[in-house]
Amino acid sequence: MGHTQRVKVGRKLSEEVRVTSGVPQESVLGPLLFLAYVNDIWRNTESTIRLFADDCIIYKKIINNENIEKLQKDLDRLGEWAAENAMKINPSKCKAVCFMRTQVKGPQNYMLGAQLILEASSCKYLGIILCSDLSWSDHVNCMVKKAWKALHFIMCILKKGNSSTNSLAYMTLRPILEYGAACWDLYREGQIRALDRVQKKAAKFAFRMNESNWETLSQCRKIPCICALVKAYSEEQA
């Protein structure tokens, strides 16, 4: 309450204007108030909606045209909710992805407000790239590219570092190679080798050899996979 804002361009300042809505950035209550504000976005919708902070996905199993119409009606309700709550949803940042095995599929003419939602073959959700054919090639390629970039940066910065320092630096980028492993744990040899090459290069950089006492990436991925399996089994039995 009582906050004002103004714009500075060069040495010129605009007049102050009262801020009548919103919360200050980086405030403690800001995220909690936002979650409370959007918590009823699922109201009157038949499709499944998942919320995580400001990320929202809506999905439905499509069997016939009736399911398509129901999903579109739910998108219309999202638009109505946004208008009622003075929220703006940017359709240009929205994607429509159809997950199916067959390569042949009809056009997805879903609308959000008056704008067409662009169709895509993949989307990124909570750091995981989901492809329409349910393969993990795009996610693995992105992850490997990101890991190589981080490793090359470390190698440039720590050219004269010792084994302990270099090893510790590599461990800071290991989460890039392990994030969300319970979802995408690999079975294709080519993808497994692509990830392993990053660790082999890091071992050679840290210890001046191709081998190290580090666990392999495949071994590291087993832990989150087992934890996810145990959690899913426990919830089903509860």
C-alpha atoms as a PDB file:
ATOM      1  CA  MET A   1       0.000   0.000   0.000  1.00  0.00           C
ATOM      2  CA  GLY A   2       1.122   3.537  -0.691  1.00  0.00           C
ATOM      3  CA  HIS A   3       3.661   2.579  -3.391  1.00  0.00           C
ATOM      4  CA  THR A   4       4.345   4.803  -6.378  1.00  0.00           C
ATOM      5  CA  GLN A   5       6.284   4.306  -9.599  1.00  0.00           C
ATOM      6  CA  ARG A   6       7.825   6.446 -12.329  1.00  0.00           C
ATOM      7  CA  VAL A   7       9.968   6.015 -15.423  1.00  0.00           C
ATOM      8  CA  LYS A   8      13.476   7.367 -16.019  1.00  0.00           C
ATOM      9  CA  VAL A   9      14.758   7.959 -19.561  1.00  0.00           C
ATOM     10  CA  GLY A  10      18.254   9.400 -19.587  1.00  0.00           C
ATOM     11  CA  ARG A  11      18.121  12.189 -16.971  1.00  0.00           C
ATOM     12  CA  LYS A  12      14.406  12.784 -17.317  1.00  0.00           C
ATOM     13  CA  LEU A  13      11.914  11.431 -14.759  1.00  0.00           C
ATOM     14  CA  SER A  14       8.199  11.090 -15.315  1.00  0.00           C
ATOM     15  CA  GLU A  15       5.655  12.113 -12.737  1.00  0.00           C
ATOM     16  CA  GLU A  16       4.908   9.635  -9.954  1.00  0.00           C
ATOM     17  CA  VAL A  17       1.848   7.414 -10.362  1.00  0.00           C
ATOM     18  CA  ARG A  18       0.194   5.437  -7.559  1.00  0.00           C
ATOM     19  CA  VAL A  19       0.413   1.650  -7.814  1.00  0.00           C
ATOM     20  CA  THR A  20      -3.108   0.422  -7.149  1.00  0.00           C
ATOM     21  CA  SER A  21      -2.542  -3.313  -7.752  1.00  0.00           C
ATOM     22  CA  GLY A  22       0.141  -5.979  -7.632  1.00  0.00           C
ATOM     23  CA  VAL A  23       2.869  -6.578  -5.070  1.00  0.00           C
ATOM     24  CA  PRO A  24       6.470  -5.299  -4.840  1.00  0.00           C
ATOM     25  CA  GLN A  25       9.039  -7.413  -6.662  1.00  0.00           C
ATOM     26  CA  GLU A  26      11.172  -9.791  -4.563  1.00  0.00           C
ATOM     27  CA  SER A  27       8.741  -9.539  -1.671  1.00  0.00           C
ATOM     28  CA  VAL A  28       8.224 -12.509   0.653  1.00  0.00           C
ATOM     29  CA  LEU A  29       4.439 -12.528   0.264  1.00  0.00           C
ATOM     30  CA  GLY A  30       4.467 -11.920  -3.504  1.00  0.00           C
ATOM     31  CA  PRO A  31       4.664 -15.572  -4.659  1.00  0.00           C
ATOM     32  CA  LEU A  32       2.121 -16.711  -2.043  1.00  0.00           C
ATOM     33  CA  LEU A  33      -0.346 -13.988  -3.000  1.00  0.00           C
ATOM     34  CA  PHE A  34       0.046 -14.864  -6.693  1.00  0.00           C
ATOM     35  CA  LEU A  35      -0.669 -18.553  -6.003  1.00  0.00           C
ATOM     36  CA  ALA A  36      -3.776 -17.611  -4.034  1.00  0.00           C
ATOM     37  CA  TYR A  37      -4.846 -15.320  -6.873  1.00  0.00           C
ATOM     38  CA  VAL A  38      -4.668 -18.020  -9.588  1.00  0.00           C
ATOM     39  CA  ASN A  39      -5.708 -20.980  -7.456  1.00  0.00           C
ATOM     40  CA  ASP A  40      -9.263 -21.061  -8.855  1.00  0.00           C
ATOM     41  CA  ILE A  41      -8.224 -21.030 -12.519  1.00  0.00           C
ATOM     42  CA  TRP A  42      -9.507 -24.598 -12.887  1.00  0.00           C
ATOM     43  CA  ARG A  43     -13.061 -23.511 -11.999  1.00  0.00           C
ATOM     44  CA  ASN A  44     -15.787 -24.938 -14.299  1.00  0.00           C
ATOM     45  CA  THR A  45     -13.290 -26.812 -16.494  1.00  0.00           C
ATOM     46  CA  GLU A  46     -13.593 -30.495 -17.364  1.00  0.00           C
ATOM     47  CA  SER A  47     -10.048 -30.888 -18.664  1.00  0.00           C
ATOM     48  CA  THR A  48      -7.106 -31.448 -16.346  1.00  0.00           C
ATOM     49  CA  ILE A  49      -5.162 -28.341 -15.343  1.00  0.00           C
ATOM     50  CA  ARG A  50      -1.728 -28.361 -13.708  1.00  0.00           C
ATOM     51  CA  LEU A  51      -0.264 -25.275 -12.078  1.00  0.00           C
ATOM     52  CA  PHE A  52       3.310 -24.626 -10.999  1.00  0.00           C
ATOM     53  CA  ALA A  53       4.032 -20.990 -10.098  1.00  0.00           C
ATOM     54  CA  ASP A  54       3.123 -19.083 -13.272  1.00  0.00           C
ATOM     55  CA  ASP A  55       3.229 -22.162 -15.537  1.00  0.00           C
ATOM     56  CA  CYS A  56      -0.128 -23.636 -16.510  1.00  0.00           C
ATOM     57  CA  ILE A  57      -0.926 -26.608 -18.722  1.00  0.00           C
ATOM     58  CA  ILE A  58      -4.329 -27.934 -19.711  1.00  0.00           C
ATOM     59  CA  TYR A  59      -4.783 -31.314 -21.339  1.00  0.00           C
ATOM     60  CA  LYS A  60      -7.393 -33.881 -22.245  1.00  0.00           C
ATOM     61  CA  LYS A  61      -7.501 -37.302 -23.870  1.00  0.00           C
ATOM     62  CA  ILE A  62      -8.813 -36.800 -27.402  1.00  0.00           C
ATOM     63  CA  ILE A  63     -10.798 -39.669 -28.897  1.00  0.00           C
ATOM     64  CA  ASN A  64     -13.364 -37.908 -31.062  1.00  0.00           C
ATOM     65  CA  ASN A  65     -14.566 -34.468 -32.142  1.00  0.00           C
ATOM     66  CA  GLU A  66     -16.623 -34.123 -28.978  1.00  0.00           C
ATOM     67  CA  ASN A  67     -13.427 -34.205 -26.888  1.00  0.00           C
ATOM     68  CA  ILE A  68     -11.914 -31.521 -29.117  1.00  0.00           C
ATOM     69  CA  GLU A  69     -14.959 -29.312 -28.569  1.00  0.00           C
ATOM     70  CA  LYS A  70     -14.811 -29.834 -24.789  1.00  0.00           C
ATOM     71  CA  LEU A  71     -11.135 -28.865 -24.685  1.00  0.00           C
ATOM     72  CA  GLN A  72     -11.882 -25.732 -26.705  1.00  0.00           C
ATOM     73  CA  LYS A  73     -14.720 -24.830 -24.311  1.00  0.00           C
ATOM     74  CA  ASP A  74     -12.289 -25.150 -21.405  1.00  0.00           C
ATOM     75  CA  LEU A  75      -9.856 -22.852 -23.209  1.00  0.00           C
ATOM     76  CA  ASP A  76     -12.713 -20.382 -23.620  1.00  0.00           C
ATOM     77  CA  ARG A  77     -13.354 -20.611 -19.869  1.00  0.00           C
ATOM     78  CA  LEU A  78      -9.674 -19.854 -19.216  1.00  0.00           C
ATOM     79  CA  GLY A  79     -10.036 -16.745 -21.341  1.00  0.00           C
ATOM     80  CA  GLU A  80     -13.136 -15.732 -19.381  1.00  0.00           C
ATOM     81  CA  TRP A  81     -11.329 -16.335 -16.077  1.00  0.00           C
ATOM     82  CA  ALA A  82      -8.442 -14.135 -17.220  1.00  0.00           C
ATOM     83  CA  ALA A  83     -10.837 -11.341 -18.190  1.00  0.00           C
ATOM     84  CA  GLU A  84     -12.728 -11.572 -14.872  1.00  0.00           C
ATOM     85  CA  ASN A  85      -9.494 -11.436 -12.871  1.00  0.00           C
ATOM     86  CA  ALA A  86      -7.793  -8.729 -14.955  1.00  0.00           C
ATOM     87  CA  MET A  87      -5.074 -11.168 -16.011  1.00  0.00           C
ATOM     88  CA  LYS A  88      -3.522 -11.292 -19.455  1.00  0.00           C
ATOM     89  CA  ILE A  89      -2.571 -14.608 -21.037  1.00  0.00           C
ATOM     90  CA  ASN A  90      -0.159 -14.217 -23.936  1.00  0.00           C
ATOM     91  CA  PRO A  91      -1.313 -16.628 -26.695  1.00  0.00           C
ATOM     92  CA  SER A  92       2.004 -16.198 -28.539  1.00  0.00           C
ATOM     93  CA  LYS A  93       3.725 -17.986 -25.635  1.00  0.00           C
ATOM     94  CA  CYS A  94       1.222 -20.846 -25.693  1.00  0.00           C
ATOM     95  CA  LYS A  95       1.682 -24.076 -27.651  1.00  0.00           C
ATOM     96  CA  ALA A  96      -0.639 -26.883 -28.693  1.00  0.00           C
ATOM     97  CA  VAL A  97       1.057 -30.288 -28.708  1.00  0.00           C
ATOM     98  CA  CYS A  98      -0.630 -33.563 -29.629  1.00  0.00           C
ATOM     99  CA  PHE A  99       0.993 -36.615 -28.049  1.00  0.00           C
ATOM    100  CA  MET A 100       0.366 -39.696 -30.171  1.00  0.00           C
ATOM    101  CA  ARG A 101       2.188 -42.603 -31.798  1.00  0.00           C
ATOM    102  CA  THR A 102       0.936 -42.185 -35.347  1.00  0.00           C
ATOM    103  CA  GLN A 103       2.743 -39.790 -37.666  1.00  0.00           C
ATOM    104  CA  VAL A 104      -0.476 -38.640 -39.332  1.00  0.00           C
ATOM    105  CA  LYS A 105      -2.637 -36.195 -37.410  1.00  0.00           C
ATOM    106  CA  GLY A 106      -5.165 -33.517 -38.181  1.00  0.00           C
ATOM    107  CA  PRO A 107      -4.652 -29.787 -37.614  1.00  0.00           C
ATOM    108  CA  GLN A 108      -5.143 -28.483 -34.081  1.00  0.00           C
ATOM    109  CA  ASN A 109      -7.120 -25.289 -34.433  1.00  0.00           C
ATOM    110  CA  TYR A 110      -7.411 -24.397 -30.766  1.00  0.00           C
ATOM    111  CA  MET A 111      -8.123 -20.792 -29.910  1.00  0.00           C
ATOM    112  CA  LEU A 112      -7.360 -18.710 -26.834  1.00  0.00           C
ATOM    113  CA  GLY A 113      -9.491 -15.643 -26.955  1.00  0.00           C
ATOM    114  CA  ALA A 114      -9.402 -14.423 -30.543  1.00  0.00           C
ATOM    115  CA  GLN A 115      -5.960 -15.843 -31.303  1.00  0.00           C
ATOM    116  CA  LEU A 116      -4.965 -19.219 -32.704  1.00  0.00           C
ATOM    117  CA  ILE A 117      -2.667 -21.275 -30.474  1.00  0.00           C
ATOM    118  CA  LEU A 118       0.354 -22.271 -32.517  1.00  0.00           C
ATOM    119  CA  GLU A 119       0.876 -25.987 -33.057  1.00  0.00           C
ATOM    120  CA  ALA A 120       4.274 -27.405 -32.069  1.00  0.00           C
ATOM    121  CA  SER A 121       5.997 -30.780 -32.126  1.00  0.00           C
ATOM    122  CA  SER A 122       7.425 -30.273 -28.628  1.00  0.00           C
ATOM    123  CA  CYS A 123       7.153 -28.062 -25.570  1.00  0.00           C
ATOM    124  CA  LYS A 124       9.276 -27.355 -22.510  1.00  0.00           C
ATOM    125  CA  TYR A 125       7.554 -27.868 -19.183  1.00  0.00           C
ATOM    126  CA  LEU A 126       9.359 -27.425 -15.859  1.00  0.00           C
ATOM    127  CA  GLY A 127      12.703 -27.877 -17.578  1.00  0.00           C
ATOM    128  CA  ILE A 128      11.751 -31.083 -19.430  1.00  0.00           C
ATOM    129  CA  ILE A 129      11.266 -31.054 -23.216  1.00  0.00           C
ATOM    130  CA  LEU A 130       8.254 -33.179 -24.143  1.00  0.00           C
ATOM    131  CA  CYS A 131       8.042 -34.350 -27.772  1.00  0.00           C
ATOM    132  CA  SER A 132       4.814 -35.244 -29.516  1.00  0.00           C
ATOM    133  CA  ASP A 133       6.175 -38.723 -30.338  1.00  0.00           C
ATOM    134  CA  LEU A 134       7.140 -39.232 -26.664  1.00  0.00           C
ATOM    135  CA  SER A 135      10.827 -39.583 -27.492  1.00  0.00           C
ATOM    136  CA  TRP A 136      13.534 -37.867 -25.451  1.00  0.00           C
ATOM    137  CA  SER A 137      15.868 -36.963 -28.316  1.00  0.00           C
ATOM    138  CA  ASP A 138      15.167 -33.201 -28.164  1.00  0.00           C
ATOM    139  CA  HIS A 139      15.574 -33.116 -24.382  1.00  0.00           C
ATOM    140  CA  VAL A 140      18.827 -35.102 -24.431  1.00  0.00           C
ATOM    141  CA  ASN A 141      20.284 -32.994 -27.268  1.00  0.00           C
ATOM    142  CA  CYS A 142      19.434 -29.789 -25.412  1.00  0.00           C
ATOM    143  CA  MET A 143      20.843 -31.150 -22.159  1.00  0.00           C
ATOM    144  CA  VAL A 144      24.099 -32.310 -23.791  1.00  0.00           C
ATOM    145  CA  LYS A 145      24.556 -28.961 -25.551  1.00  0.00           C
ATOM    146  CA  LYS A 146      23.998 -27.078 -22.301  1.00  0.00           C
ATOM    147  CA  ALA A 147      26.401 -29.364 -20.393  1.00  0.00           C
ATOM    148  CA  TRP A 148      29.168 -29.005 -22.998  1.00  0.00           C
ATOM    149  CA  LYS A 149      28.815 -25.236 -22.901  1.00  0.00           C
ATOM    150  CA  ALA A 150      29.090 -25.210 -19.100  1.00  0.00           C
ATOM    151  CA  LEU A 151      32.049 -27.617 -19.124  1.00  0.00           C
ATOM    152  CA  HIS A 152      33.968 -25.566 -21.705  1.00  0.00           C
ATOM    153  CA  PHE A 153      33.398 -22.472 -19.577  1.00  0.00           C
ATOM    154  CA  ILE A 154      34.788 -24.274 -16.503  1.00  0.00           C
ATOM    155  CA  MET A 155      37.788 -25.525 -18.478  1.00  0.00           C
ATOM    156  CA  CYS A 156      38.585 -21.999 -19.663  1.00  0.00           C
ATOM    157  CA  ILE A 157      38.311 -20.509 -16.168  1.00  0.00           C
ATOM    158  CA  LEU A 158      40.232 -23.273 -14.368  1.00  0.00           C
ATOM    159  CA  LYS A 159      43.043 -24.006 -16.805  1.00  0.00           C
ATOM    160  CA  LYS A 160      45.557 -24.121 -13.953  1.00  0.00           C
ATOM    161  CA  GLY A 161      43.265 -25.589 -11.300  1.00  0.00           C
ATOM    162  CA  ASN A 162      44.147 -28.718  -9.347  1.00  0.00           C
ATOM    163  CA  SER A 163      42.201 -31.990  -9.467  1.00  0.00           C
ATOM    164  CA  SER A 164      40.144 -31.190  -6.369  1.00  0.00           C
ATOM    165  CA  THR A 165      39.048 -27.781  -7.659  1.00  0.00           C
ATOM    166  CA  ASN A 166      38.301 -29.050 -11.175  1.00  0.00           C
ATOM    167  CA  SER A 167      36.364 -32.015  -9.836  1.00  0.00           C
ATOM    168  CA  LEU A 168      34.290 -29.788  -7.553  1.00  0.00           C
ATOM    169  CA  ALA A 169      33.578 -27.399 -10.433  1.00  0.00           C
ATOM    170  CA  TYR A 170      32.341 -30.265 -12.604  1.00  0.00           C
ATOM    171  CA  MET A 171      30.024 -31.446  -9.833  1.00  0.00           C
ATOM    172  CA  THR A 172      28.285 -28.070  -9.960  1.00  0.00           C
ATOM    173  CA  LEU A 173      27.156 -28.791 -13.537  1.00  0.00           C
ATOM    174  CA  ARG A 174      26.232 -32.440 -12.930  1.00  0.00           C
ATOM    175  CA  PRO A 175      22.616 -31.472 -12.091  1.00  0.00           C
ATOM    176  CA  ILE A 176      22.275 -30.407 -15.746  1.00  0.00           C
ATOM    177  CA  LEU A 177      22.889 -34.027 -16.733  1.00  0.00           C
ATOM    178  CA  GLU A 178      20.632 -35.521 -14.053  1.00  0.00           C
ATOM    179  CA  TYR A 179      17.665 -33.152 -13.731  1.00  0.00           C
ATOM    180  CA  GLY A 180      14.329 -34.953 -14.105  1.00  0.00           C
ATOM    181  CA  ALA A 181      16.011 -38.313 -14.721  1.00  0.00           C
ATOM    182  CA  ALA A 182      13.012 -40.181 -13.299  1.00  0.00           C
ATOM    183  CA  CYS A 183      11.065 -38.961 -16.353  1.00  0.00           C
ATOM    184  CA  TRP A 184      13.517 -39.500 -19.195  1.00  0.00           C
ATOM    185  CA  ASP A 185      15.994 -42.192 -18.046  1.00  0.00           C
ATOM    186  CA  LEU A 186      17.503 -43.477 -21.277  1.00  0.00           C
ATOM    187  CA  TYR A 187      17.587 -46.826 -23.016  1.00  0.00           C
ATOM    188  CA  ARG A 188      19.038 -45.815 -26.392  1.00  0.00           C
ATOM    189  CA  GLU A 189      22.781 -46.436 -26.510  1.00  0.00           C
ATOM    190  CA  GLY A 190      23.504 -43.389 -28.672  1.00  0.00           C
ATOM    191  CA  GLN A 191      21.884 -41.025 -26.195  1.00  0.00           C
ATOM    192  CA  ILE A 192      23.606 -42.696 -23.241  1.00  0.00           C
ATOM    193  CA  ARG A 193      26.998 -42.346 -24.935  1.00  0.00           C
ATOM    194  CA  ALA A 194      26.331 -38.684 -25.729  1.00  0.00           C
ATOM    195  CA  LEU A 195      25.875 -37.966 -22.013  1.00  0.00           C
ATOM    196  CA  ASP A 196      28.803 -40.151 -20.953  1.00  0.00           C
ATOM    197  CA  ARG A 197      31.169 -38.291 -23.283  1.00  0.00           C
ATOM    198  CA  VAL A 198      30.634 -35.140 -21.240  1.00  0.00           C
ATOM    199  CA  GLN A 199      31.676 -36.901 -18.027  1.00  0.00           C
ATOM    200  CA  LYS A 200      34.661 -38.582 -19.679  1.00  0.00           C
ATOM    201  CA  LYS A 201      35.890 -35.200 -20.911  1.00  0.00           C
ATOM    202  CA  ALA A 202      35.412 -33.751 -17.420  1.00  0.00           C
ATOM    203  CA  ALA A 203      37.349 -36.653 -15.855  1.00  0.00           C
ATOM    204  CA  LYS A 204      40.217 -36.124 -18.262  1.00  0.00           C
ATOM    205  CA  PHE A 205      40.222 -32.423 -17.408  1.00  0.00           C
ATOM    206  CA  ALA A 206      40.062 -32.988 -13.641  1.00  0.00           C
ATOM    207  CA  PHE A 207      42.402 -35.958 -13.258  1.00  0.00           C
ATOM    208  CA  ARG A 208      44.359 -35.906 -16.543  1.00  0.00           C
ATOM    209  CA  MET A 209      42.946 -39.366 -17.323  1.00  0.00           C
ATOM    210  CA  ASN A 210      39.869 -40.914 -18.936  1.00  0.00           C
ATOM    211  CA  GLU A 211      38.760 -42.806 -15.824  1.00  0.00           C
ATOM    212  CA  SER A 212      37.831 -41.549 -12.366  1.00  0.00           C
ATOM    213  CA  ASN A 213      36.223 -42.794  -9.180  1.00  0.00           C
ATOM    214  CA  TRP A 214      32.998 -40.976 -10.046  1.00  0.00           C
ATOM    215  CA  GLU A 215      29.820 -42.962 -10.376  1.00  0.00           C
ATOM    216  CA  THR A 216      28.672 -43.328 -13.955  1.00  0.00           C
ATOM    217  CA  LEU A 217      25.732 -41.181 -15.033  1.00  0.00           C
ATOM    218  CA  SER A 218      23.664 -44.335 -15.539  1.00  0.00           C
ATOM    219  CA  GLN A 219      24.264 -45.298 -11.897  1.00  0.00           C
ATOM    220  CA  CYS A 220      23.340 -41.802 -10.716  1.00  0.00           C
ATOM    221  CA  ARG A 221      20.062 -41.919 -12.659  1.00  0.00           C
ATOM    222  CA  LYS A 222      19.000 -45.110 -10.906  1.00  0.00           C
ATOM    223  CA  ILE A 223      18.518 -43.359  -7.548  1.00  0.00           C
ATOM    224  CA  PRO A 224      15.803 -40.837  -8.609  1.00  0.00           C
ATOM    225  CA  CYS A 225      14.117 -43.547 -10.706  1.00  0.00           C
ATOM    226  CA  ILE A 226      13.896 -45.922  -7.741  1.00  0.00           C
ATOM    227  CA  CYS A 227      12.699 -43.105  -5.443  1.00  0.00           C
ATOM    228  CA  ALA A 228       9.965 -42.153  -7.930  1.00  0.00           C
ATOM    229  CA  LEU A 229       8.885 -45.791  -8.253  1.00  0.00           C
ATOM    230  CA  VAL A 230       8.722 -46.271  -4.476  1.00  0.00           C
ATOM    231  CA  LYS A 231       6.776 -43.028  -4.062  1.00  0.00           C
ATOM    232  CA  ALA A 232       4.279 -43.968  -6.780  1.00  0.00           C
ATOM    233  CA  TYR A 233       3.808 -47.448  -5.271  1.00  0.00           C
ATOM    234  CA  SER A 234       3.351 -46.040  -1.762  1.00  0.00           C
ATOM    235  CA  GLU A 235       0.741 -43.517  -2.922  1.00  0.00           C
ATOM    236  CA  GLU A 236      -1.170 -46.242  -4.781  1.00  0.00           C
ATOM    237  CA  GLN A 237      -1.236 -48.440  -1.687  1.00  0.00           C
ATOM    238  CA  ALA A 238      -2.320 -45.603   0.612  1.00  0.00           C
END
